[in-house]
C-alpha atoms as a PDB file:
ATOM      1  CA  MET A   1     -25.454  18.619   6.959  1.00  0.00           C
ATOM      2  CA  THR A   2     -24.938  22.057   5.373  1.00  0.00           C
ATOM      3  CA  ASP A   3     -22.757  24.688   7.069  1.00  0.00           C
ATOM      4  CA  GLY A   4     -23.214  22.853  10.366  1.00  0.00           C
ATOM      5  CA  ASN A   5     -27.010  22.823  10.124  1.00  0.00           C
ATOM      6  CA  LYS A   6     -29.124  19.712   9.721  1.00  0.00           C
ATOM      7  CA  ILE A   7     -31.448  19.440   6.745  1.00  0.00           C
ATOM      8  CA  CYS A   8     -34.232  16.870   7.065  1.00  0.00           C
ATOM      9  CA  LYS A   9     -35.716  15.331   3.946  1.00  0.00           C
ATOM     10  CA  PRO A  10     -38.776  13.090   4.322  1.00  0.00           C
ATOM     11  CA  ILE A  11     -38.779   9.795   2.445  1.00  0.00           C
ATOM     12  CA  ASP A  12     -41.491   7.342   1.472  1.00  0.00           C
ATOM     13  CA  ILE A  13     -41.022   4.638   4.104  1.00  0.00           C
ATOM     14  CA  ASP A  14     -42.988   2.032   2.143  1.00  0.00           C
ATOM     15  CA  ALA A  15     -40.908   2.657  -0.977  1.00  0.00           C
ATOM     16  CA  TYR A  16     -37.731   2.508   1.108  1.00  0.00           C
ATOM     17  CA  LYS A  17     -38.670  -0.850   2.611  1.00  0.00           C
ATOM     18  CA  ALA A  18     -39.761  -2.174  -0.776  1.00  0.00           C
ATOM     19  CA  PHE A  19     -36.385  -1.238  -2.274  1.00  0.00           C
ATOM     20  CA  TRP A  20     -34.380  -3.035   0.400  1.00  0.00           C
ATOM     21  CA  SER A  21     -36.624  -6.056   0.209  1.00  0.00           C
ATOM     22  CA  GLN A  22     -35.264  -6.545  -3.321  1.00  0.00           C
ATOM     23  CA  TYR A  23     -31.612  -5.551  -2.810  1.00  0.00           C
ATOM     24  CA  GLU A  24     -28.916  -6.393  -0.296  1.00  0.00           C
ATOM     25  CA  LYS A  25     -27.062  -3.610   1.507  1.00  0.00           C
ATOM     26  CA  ILE A  26     -23.301  -3.536   0.944  1.00  0.00           C
ATOM     27  CA  ARG A  27     -21.509  -3.288   4.257  1.00  0.00           C
ATOM     28  CA  ASN A  28     -18.042  -4.601   3.409  1.00  0.00           C
ATOM     29  CA  HIS A  29     -15.595  -1.676   3.339  1.00  0.00           C
ATOM     30  CA  ASP A  30     -13.472  -3.074   0.495  1.00  0.00           C
ATOM     31  CA  THR A  31     -16.557  -3.729  -1.628  1.00  0.00           C
ATOM     32  CA  ILE A  32     -17.823  -0.187  -1.105  1.00  0.00           C
ATOM     33  CA  ILE A  33     -14.445   1.218  -2.187  1.00  0.00           C
ATOM     34  CA  SER A  34     -14.393  -1.112  -5.191  1.00  0.00           C
ATOM     35  CA  VAL A  35     -17.796   0.142  -6.344  1.00  0.00           C
ATOM     36  CA  ARG A  36     -16.772   3.765  -5.877  1.00  0.00           C
ATOM     37  CA  GLN A  37     -13.560   3.225  -7.811  1.00  0.00           C
ATOM     38  CA  ARG A  38     -15.585   2.057 -10.793  1.00  0.00           C
ATOM     39  CA  MET A  39     -17.957   5.007 -10.735  1.00  0.00           C
ATOM     40  CA  ASP A  40     -16.705   6.257 -14.104  1.00  0.00           C
ATOM     41  CA  ARG A  41     -18.576   3.357 -15.676  1.00  0.00           C
ATOM     42  CA  MET A  42     -21.740   4.566 -13.954  1.00  0.00           C
ATOM     43  CA  THR A  43     -21.309   8.184 -15.061  1.00  0.00           C
ATOM     44  CA  GLU A  44     -22.819   9.494 -18.275  1.00  0.00           C
ATOM     45  CA  GLU A  45     -20.074   9.155 -20.916  1.00  0.00           C
ATOM     46  CA  ASN A  46     -20.559  12.539 -22.590  1.00  0.00           C
ATOM     47  CA  LEU A  47     -20.051  14.245 -19.220  1.00  0.00           C
ATOM     48  CA  ARG A  48     -16.824  12.324 -18.585  1.00  0.00           C
ATOM     49  CA  ARG A  49     -15.508  13.086 -22.038  1.00  0.00           C
ATOM     50  CA  PHE A  50     -16.409  16.764 -21.678  1.00  0.00           C
ATOM     51  CA  THR A  51     -14.455  17.185 -18.450  1.00  0.00           C
ATOM     52  CA  GLY A  52     -11.750  14.671 -19.344  1.00  0.00           C
ATOM     53  CA  GLU A  53     -12.423  12.919 -16.055  1.00  0.00           C
ATOM     54  CA  PHE A  54     -11.437   9.258 -16.149  1.00  0.00           C
ATOM     55  CA  PHE A  55     -10.619   7.054 -13.197  1.00  0.00           C
ATOM     56  CA  THR A  56      -7.428   5.056 -12.825  1.00  0.00           C
ATOM     57  CA  PRO A  57      -7.895   1.260 -12.544  1.00  0.00           C
ATOM     58  CA  ILE A  58      -6.321  -0.152  -9.387  1.00  0.00           C
ATOM     59  CA  ASN A  59      -3.944  -2.504 -11.203  1.00  0.00           C
ATOM     60  CA  PHE A  60      -2.554   0.489 -13.112  1.00  0.00           C
ATOM     61  CA  ALA A  61      -2.178   2.405  -9.846  1.00  0.00           C
ATOM     62  CA  ARG A  62      -0.115  -0.450  -8.421  1.00  0.00           C
ATOM     63  CA  LYS A  63       2.088  -0.436 -11.505  1.00  0.00           C
ATOM     64  CA  ALA A  64       2.514   3.348 -11.210  1.00  0.00           C
ATOM     65  CA  VAL A  65       3.725   3.025  -7.606  1.00  0.00           C
ATOM     66  CA  ASP A  66       6.086   0.246  -8.687  1.00  0.00           C
ATOM     67  CA  TYR A  67       7.615   2.489 -11.363  1.00  0.00           C
ATOM     68  CA  LEU A  68       7.817   5.353  -8.900  1.00  0.00           C
ATOM     69  CA  SER A  69       9.735   3.217  -6.411  1.00  0.00           C
ATOM     70  CA  ARG A  70      12.195   2.209  -9.123  1.00  0.00           C
ATOM     71  CA  VAL A  71      12.994   5.851  -9.851  1.00  0.00           C
ATOM     72  CA  VAL A  72      13.118   7.391  -6.368  1.00  0.00           C
ATOM     73  CA  GLY A  73      13.611   4.268  -4.262  1.00  0.00           C
ATOM     74  CA  ASP A  74      11.539   2.230  -1.828  1.00  0.00           C
ATOM     75  CA  ASN A  75      10.108   4.139   1.120  1.00  0.00           C
ATOM     76  CA  PHE A  76      10.877   7.353  -0.755  1.00  0.00           C
ATOM     77  CA  PHE A  77       8.285   9.186   1.325  1.00  0.00           C
ATOM     78  CA  LYS A  78      10.611   8.926   4.327  1.00  0.00           C
ATOM     79  CA  ASN A  79      13.340  10.863   2.538  1.00  0.00           C
ATOM     80  CA  ASN A  80      12.041  14.404   2.771  1.00  0.00           C
ATOM     81  CA  PHE A  81       9.520  13.875  -0.022  1.00  0.00           C
ATOM     82  CA  ARG A  82       6.032  15.271  -0.389  1.00  0.00           C
ATOM     83  CA  ILE A  83       3.449  13.908  -2.818  1.00  0.00           C
ATOM     84  CA  TRP A  84       0.666  15.947  -4.420  1.00  0.00           C
ATOM     85  CA  ASP A  85      -2.093  14.652  -6.659  1.00  0.00           C
ATOM     86  CA  MET A  86      -3.968  17.793  -7.652  1.00  0.00           C
ATOM     87  CA  CYS A  87      -6.637  16.009  -9.724  1.00  0.00           C
ATOM     88  CA  ALA A  88      -7.233  12.965  -7.544  1.00  0.00           C
ATOM     89  CA  GLY A  89     -10.909  12.285  -8.274  1.00  0.00           C
ATOM     90  CA  THR A  90     -11.819   9.364  -5.994  1.00  0.00           C
ATOM     91  CA  GLY A  91      -8.178   8.749  -5.129  1.00  0.00           C
ATOM     92  CA  ASN A  92      -7.611   5.575  -7.125  1.00  0.00           C
ATOM     93  CA  LEU A  93      -4.040   6.515  -7.996  1.00  0.00           C
ATOM     94  CA  GLU A  94      -3.091   6.713  -4.306  1.00  0.00           C
ATOM     95  CA  PHE A  95      -4.740   3.389  -3.456  1.00  0.00           C
ATOM     96  CA  ALA A  96      -1.493   1.443  -3.954  1.00  0.00           C
ATOM     97  CA  LEU A  97       0.621   3.753  -1.794  1.00  0.00           C
ATOM     98  CA  PRO A  98       1.488   2.303   1.627  1.00  0.00           C
ATOM     99  CA  ALA A  99      -0.614   3.753   4.428  1.00  0.00           C
ATOM    100  CA  GLU A 100       2.473   5.177   6.107  1.00  0.00           C
ATOM    101  CA  ALA A 101       2.977   7.419   3.064  1.00  0.00           C
ATOM    102  CA  TRP A 102      -0.402   9.122   3.435  1.00  0.00           C
ATOM    103  CA  LYS A 103       0.791  11.670   5.992  1.00  0.00           C
ATOM    104  CA  PHE A 104       3.211  12.961   3.356  1.00  0.00           C
ATOM    105  CA  CYS A 105       0.453  13.229   0.722  1.00  0.00           C
ATOM    106  CA  TYR A 106      -1.611  16.145  -0.489  1.00  0.00           C
ATOM    107  CA  ILE A 107      -4.739  14.978  -2.282  1.00  0.00           C
ATOM    108  CA  SER A 108      -6.939  17.558  -3.966  1.00  0.00           C
ATOM    109  CA  THR A 109      -9.757  17.338  -6.459  1.00  0.00           C
ATOM    110  CA  LEU A 110     -12.356  19.513  -8.138  1.00  0.00           C
ATOM    111  CA  ASN A 111     -15.482  17.758  -6.876  1.00  0.00           C
ATOM    112  CA  PRO A 112     -16.301  18.372  -3.171  1.00  0.00           C
ATOM    113  CA  ASP A 113     -18.029  14.986  -2.923  1.00  0.00           C
ATOM    114  CA  ASP A 114     -14.869  13.253  -4.146  1.00  0.00           C
ATOM    115  CA  ALA A 115     -12.797  15.231  -1.642  1.00  0.00           C
ATOM    116  CA  ASN A 116     -15.073  14.127   1.216  1.00  0.00           C
ATOM    117  CA  TYR A 117     -14.787  10.531   0.058  1.00  0.00           C
ATOM    118  CA  CYS A 118     -10.975  10.696  -0.087  1.00  0.00           C
ATOM    119  CA  LYS A 119     -10.884  12.102   3.440  1.00  0.00           C
ATOM    120  CA  LYS A 120     -12.513   8.883   4.619  1.00  0.00           C
ATOM    121  CA  ILE A 121     -10.232   6.441   2.817  1.00  0.00           C
ATOM    122  CA  TYR A 122      -7.014   8.443   3.360  1.00  0.00           C
ATOM    123  CA  PRO A 123      -7.510   9.775   6.903  1.00  0.00           C
ATOM    124  CA  ASP A 124      -3.851  10.677   7.453  1.00  0.00           C
ATOM    125  CA  ALA A 125      -3.415  12.577   4.174  1.00  0.00           C
ATOM    126  CA  THR A 126      -4.138  16.277   3.669  1.00  0.00           C
ATOM    127  CA  VAL A 127      -7.243  16.154   1.486  1.00  0.00           C
ATOM    128  CA  PHE A 128      -9.058  19.220   0.193  1.00  0.00           C
ATOM    129  CA  GLN A 129     -11.296  20.491  -2.593  1.00  0.00           C
ATOM    130  CA  TYR A 130      -9.268  22.559  -5.033  1.00  0.00           C
ATOM    131  CA  ASP A 131      -9.599  23.748  -8.623  1.00  0.00           C
ATOM    132  CA  TYR A 132      -5.965  23.633  -9.702  1.00  0.00           C
ATOM    133  CA  LEU A 133      -6.574  25.520 -12.934  1.00  0.00           C
ATOM    134  CA  ASN A 134      -8.358  28.436 -11.231  1.00  0.00           C
ATOM    135  CA  ASP A 135      -7.851  28.595  -7.471  1.00  0.00           C
ATOM    136  CA  ASP A 136      -5.050  30.883  -6.227  1.00  0.00           C
ATOM    137  CA  VAL A 137      -3.822  31.479  -9.782  1.00  0.00           C
ATOM    138  CA  GLN A 138      -4.083  35.271  -9.539  1.00  0.00           C
ATOM    139  CA  ASN A 139      -2.516  35.305  -6.058  1.00  0.00           C
ATOM    140  CA  PHE A 140       0.471  33.241  -7.130  1.00  0.00           C
ATOM    141  CA  PHE A 141       1.026  34.052 -10.795  1.00  0.00           C
ATOM    142  CA  GLY A 142      -1.075  37.108 -11.691  1.00  0.00           C
ATOM    143  CA  LYS A 143       0.228  40.577 -12.455  1.00  0.00           C
ATOM    144  CA  GLU A 144      -0.539  41.706  -8.906  1.00  0.00           C
ATOM    145  CA  LYS A 145       0.652  38.760  -6.829  1.00  0.00           C
ATOM    146  CA  ASN A 146      -0.492  38.532  -3.226  1.00  0.00           C
ATOM    147  CA  LEU A 147       0.724  35.401  -1.451  1.00  0.00           C
ATOM    148  CA  PHE A 148      -0.762  36.266   1.915  1.00  0.00           C
ATOM    149  CA  GLN A 149      -4.377  37.203   1.306  1.00  0.00           C
ATOM    150  CA  GLY A 150      -7.240  34.902   0.395  1.00  0.00           C
ATOM    151  CA  ILE A 151      -5.132  31.810  -0.315  1.00  0.00           C
ATOM    152  CA  LYS A 152      -7.399  28.794  -0.691  1.00  0.00           C
ATOM    153  CA  MET A 153      -4.865  25.964  -0.423  1.00  0.00           C
ATOM    154  CA  PRO A 154      -4.203  24.597   3.089  1.00  0.00           C
ATOM    155  CA  GLU A 155      -1.638  26.527   5.115  1.00  0.00           C
ATOM    156  CA  LYS A 156       0.369  23.334   5.622  1.00  0.00           C
ATOM    157  CA  LEU A 157       0.736  22.892   1.849  1.00  0.00           C
ATOM    158  CA  PHE A 158       1.598  26.564   1.382  1.00  0.00           C
ATOM    159  CA  ARG A 159       4.390  26.285   3.960  1.00  0.00           C
ATOM    160  CA  ASP A 160       5.751  23.105   2.399  1.00  0.00           C
ATOM    161  CA  LEU A 161       5.832  24.758  -1.038  1.00  0.00           C
ATOM    162  CA  GLN A 162       8.075  27.468   0.424  1.00  0.00           C
ATOM    163  CA  ASN A 163      10.475  24.916   1.928  1.00  0.00           C
ATOM    164  CA  PRO A 164      13.525  24.551  -0.380  1.00  0.00           C
ATOM    165  CA  ASP A 165      14.657  21.386   1.399  1.00  0.00           C
ATOM    166  CA  LEU A 166      11.625  19.341   0.400  1.00  0.00           C
ATOM    167  CA  LYS A 167      11.467  17.201  -2.740  1.00  0.00           C
ATOM    168  CA  TRP A 168       8.161  16.829  -4.551  1.00  0.00           C
ATOM    169  CA  ILE A 169       6.480  14.034  -6.457  1.00  0.00           C
ATOM    170  CA  ILE A 170       3.585  15.205  -8.631  1.00  0.00           C
ATOM    171  CA  PHE A 171       1.596  12.001  -8.931  1.00  0.00           C
ATOM    172  CA  ILE A 172      -1.350  12.624 -11.247  1.00  0.00           C
ATOM    173  CA  ASN A 173      -3.680  11.260 -13.872  1.00  0.00           C
ATOM    174  CA  PRO A 174      -4.691  14.664 -15.229  1.00  0.00           C
ATOM    175  CA  PRO A 175      -7.891  15.299 -17.187  1.00  0.00           C
ATOM    176  CA  TYR A 176      -7.679  14.723 -20.917  1.00  0.00           C
ATOM    177  CA  ALA A 177     -10.006  17.151 -22.669  1.00  0.00           C
ATOM    178  CA  THR A 178      -9.355  19.605 -25.471  1.00  0.00           C
ATOM    179  CA  ALA A 179     -11.566  22.546 -26.367  1.00  0.00           C
ATOM    180  CA  SER A 180     -13.042  22.236 -29.837  1.00  0.00           C
ATOM    181  CA  ASN A 181     -14.260  24.942 -32.167  1.00  0.00           C
ATOM    182  CA  PHE A 182     -16.544  22.519 -33.978  1.00  0.00           C
ATOM    183  CA  GLU A 183     -20.217  22.749 -33.080  1.00  0.00           C
ATOM    184  CA  ARG A 184     -20.757  19.004 -33.005  1.00  0.00           C
ATOM    185  CA  LYS A 185     -18.784  15.913 -33.844  1.00  0.00           C
ATOM    186  CA  LYS A 186     -20.072  12.359 -33.678  1.00  0.00           C
ATOM    187  CA  ASN A 187     -23.141  13.553 -31.757  1.00  0.00           C
ATOM    188  CA  ARG A 188     -21.012  14.932 -28.896  1.00  0.00           C
ATOM    189  CA  GLU A 189     -21.518  18.359 -27.428  1.00  0.00           C
ATOM    190  CA  ASP A 190     -19.028  21.096 -28.206  1.00  0.00           C
ATOM    191  CA  LYS A 191     -16.190  21.276 -25.658  1.00  0.00           C
ATOM    192  CA  ASN A 192     -15.112  24.846 -26.362  1.00  0.00           C
ATOM    193  CA  ASN A 193     -15.717  26.042 -22.796  1.00  0.00           C
ATOM    194  CA  VAL A 194     -14.002  23.166 -20.996  1.00  0.00           C
ATOM    195  CA  SER A 195     -10.580  24.824 -21.085  1.00  0.00           C
ATOM    196  CA  MET A 196     -11.653  28.373 -20.178  1.00  0.00           C
ATOM    197  CA  THR A 197      -9.618  28.701 -16.996  1.00  0.00           C
ATOM    198  CA  LYS A 198      -7.365  31.271 -15.379  1.00  0.00           C
ATOM    199  CA  ILE A 199      -4.363  29.153 -16.324  1.00  0.00           C
ATOM    200  CA  ARG A 200      -5.452  29.292 -19.955  1.00  0.00           C
ATOM    201  CA  ASP A 201      -5.532  33.090 -19.689  1.00  0.00           C
ATOM    202  CA  LEU A 202      -1.879  33.050 -18.594  1.00  0.00           C
ATOM    203  CA  MET A 203      -0.936  30.672 -21.405  1.00  0.00           C
ATOM    204  CA  THR A 204      -2.771  32.796 -23.966  1.00  0.00           C
ATOM    205  CA  ALA A 205      -0.932  35.893 -22.745  1.00  0.00           C
ATOM    206  CA  GLU A 206       2.316  34.056 -23.506  1.00  0.00           C
ATOM    207  CA  ASN A 207       1.081  33.135 -27.000  1.00  0.00           C
ATOM    208  CA  LEU A 208       1.287  29.404 -26.332  1.00  0.00           C
ATOM    209  CA  GLY A 209      -1.294  28.692 -29.010  1.00  0.00           C
ATOM    210  CA  ALA A 210      -3.239  25.452 -29.277  1.00  0.00           C
ATOM    211  CA  ALA A 211      -1.557  23.927 -26.219  1.00  0.00           C
ATOM    212  CA  SER A 212      -3.608  26.240 -24.022  1.00  0.00           C
ATOM    213  CA  ARG A 213      -6.809  24.455 -25.142  1.00  0.00           C
ATOM    214  CA  GLU A 214      -5.700  21.169 -23.588  1.00  0.00           C
ATOM    215  CA  LEU A 215      -6.400  20.622 -19.881  1.00  0.00           C
ATOM    216  CA  TYR A 216      -3.445  18.264 -19.574  1.00  0.00           C
ATOM    217  CA  SER A 217      -1.133  21.032 -20.838  1.00  0.00           C
ATOM    218  CA  GLN A 218      -2.683  23.518 -18.443  1.00  0.00           C
ATOM    219  CA  PHE A 219      -1.889  21.280 -15.480  1.00  0.00           C
ATOM    220  CA  LEU A 220       1.723  20.903 -16.594  1.00  0.00           C
ATOM    221  CA  TYR A 221       1.975  24.648 -17.187  1.00  0.00           C
ATOM    222  CA  ARG A 222       0.959  25.520 -13.631  1.00  0.00           C
ATOM    223  CA  ILE A 223       3.136  22.739 -12.226  1.00  0.00           C
ATOM    224  CA  ASN A 224       6.080  24.290 -14.060  1.00  0.00           C
ATOM    225  CA  LEU A 225       5.278  27.664 -12.499  1.00  0.00           C
ATOM    226  CA  GLU A 226       4.673  26.244  -9.032  1.00  0.00           C
ATOM    227  CA  PHE A 227       7.726  24.002  -8.712  1.00  0.00           C
ATOM    228  CA  GLN A 228      11.125  25.214  -9.808  1.00  0.00           C
ATOM    229  CA  ASN A 229      13.378  22.380  -8.586  1.00  0.00           C
ATOM    230  CA  ASN A 230      13.489  19.143  -6.561  1.00  0.00           C
ATOM    231  CA  ILE A 231      10.494  17.745  -8.410  1.00  0.00           C
ATOM    232  CA  PHE A 232       9.520  14.485 -10.069  1.00  0.00           C
ATOM    233  CA  VAL A 233       6.483  14.760 -12.344  1.00  0.00           C
ATOM    234  CA  SER A 234       4.717  11.408 -12.737  1.00  0.00           C
ATOM    235  CA  PRO A 235       1.742  11.919 -15.064  1.00  0.00           C
ATOM    236  CA  PHE A 236      -0.157   8.696 -15.558  1.00  0.00           C
ATOM    237  CA  PRO A 237      -1.619   8.022 -19.050  1.00  0.00           C
ATOM    238  CA  MET A 238      -5.296   7.757 -19.802  1.00  0.00           C
ATOM    239  CA  VAL A 239      -6.255   4.085 -19.897  1.00  0.00           C
ATOM    240  CA  GLN A 240     -10.047   3.995 -19.985  1.00  0.00           C
ATOM    241  CA  ASP A 241     -10.144   2.635 -23.531  1.00  0.00           C
ATOM    242  CA  LEU A 242      -8.348  -0.528 -22.423  1.00  0.00           C
ATOM    243  CA  PHE A 243     -11.343  -1.729 -20.403  1.00  0.00           C
END
């Protein structure tokens, strides 16, 4: 489906039947999720390292929720909290949250396919495609701010951000990628363009130097602009090298 219109693509029926004569279809919901949550191991490594996109193992997600509960208490989501993961990917980090917490969650990610997937596994959460380092930056933080025209984030999230009584948990495993001025290193492509975002423009204008080249720093910079108080920032460390 595209824009509400069906697109039909013919397939080779004989090839289709031959494929499934050799392989078994996966129908178990948990198995499908498990495969999807390991998709970083099926993605070309140079691409992942360029974008800094690594996926959080489930056992680490459980540990993260455990630590979170120790700091803000069990069932914290019932105490006027909102949770936002603005670089959720396939939503692994939220997997260990209790289902009753989902309705208090905002889950956003850069890839539309990942956003559609998260909508299926977190049906009660507010899930949307969003480029946190570019979308709405000029409206919220630019020289000519305009909070009421062309805002991309969901209206529900926008209203909650204006509510001074809410407390926020920023629950993220942000991308780890730094722009490099070297043409090539260890046969990897140059990453100079990876950090060219609207947030980097703001950081450069403030003479923040090398920190502006790091995507992780850019996320924290906008978070600092977006949330002034009542906030817990829970950045989860990159752990892909442990597996």
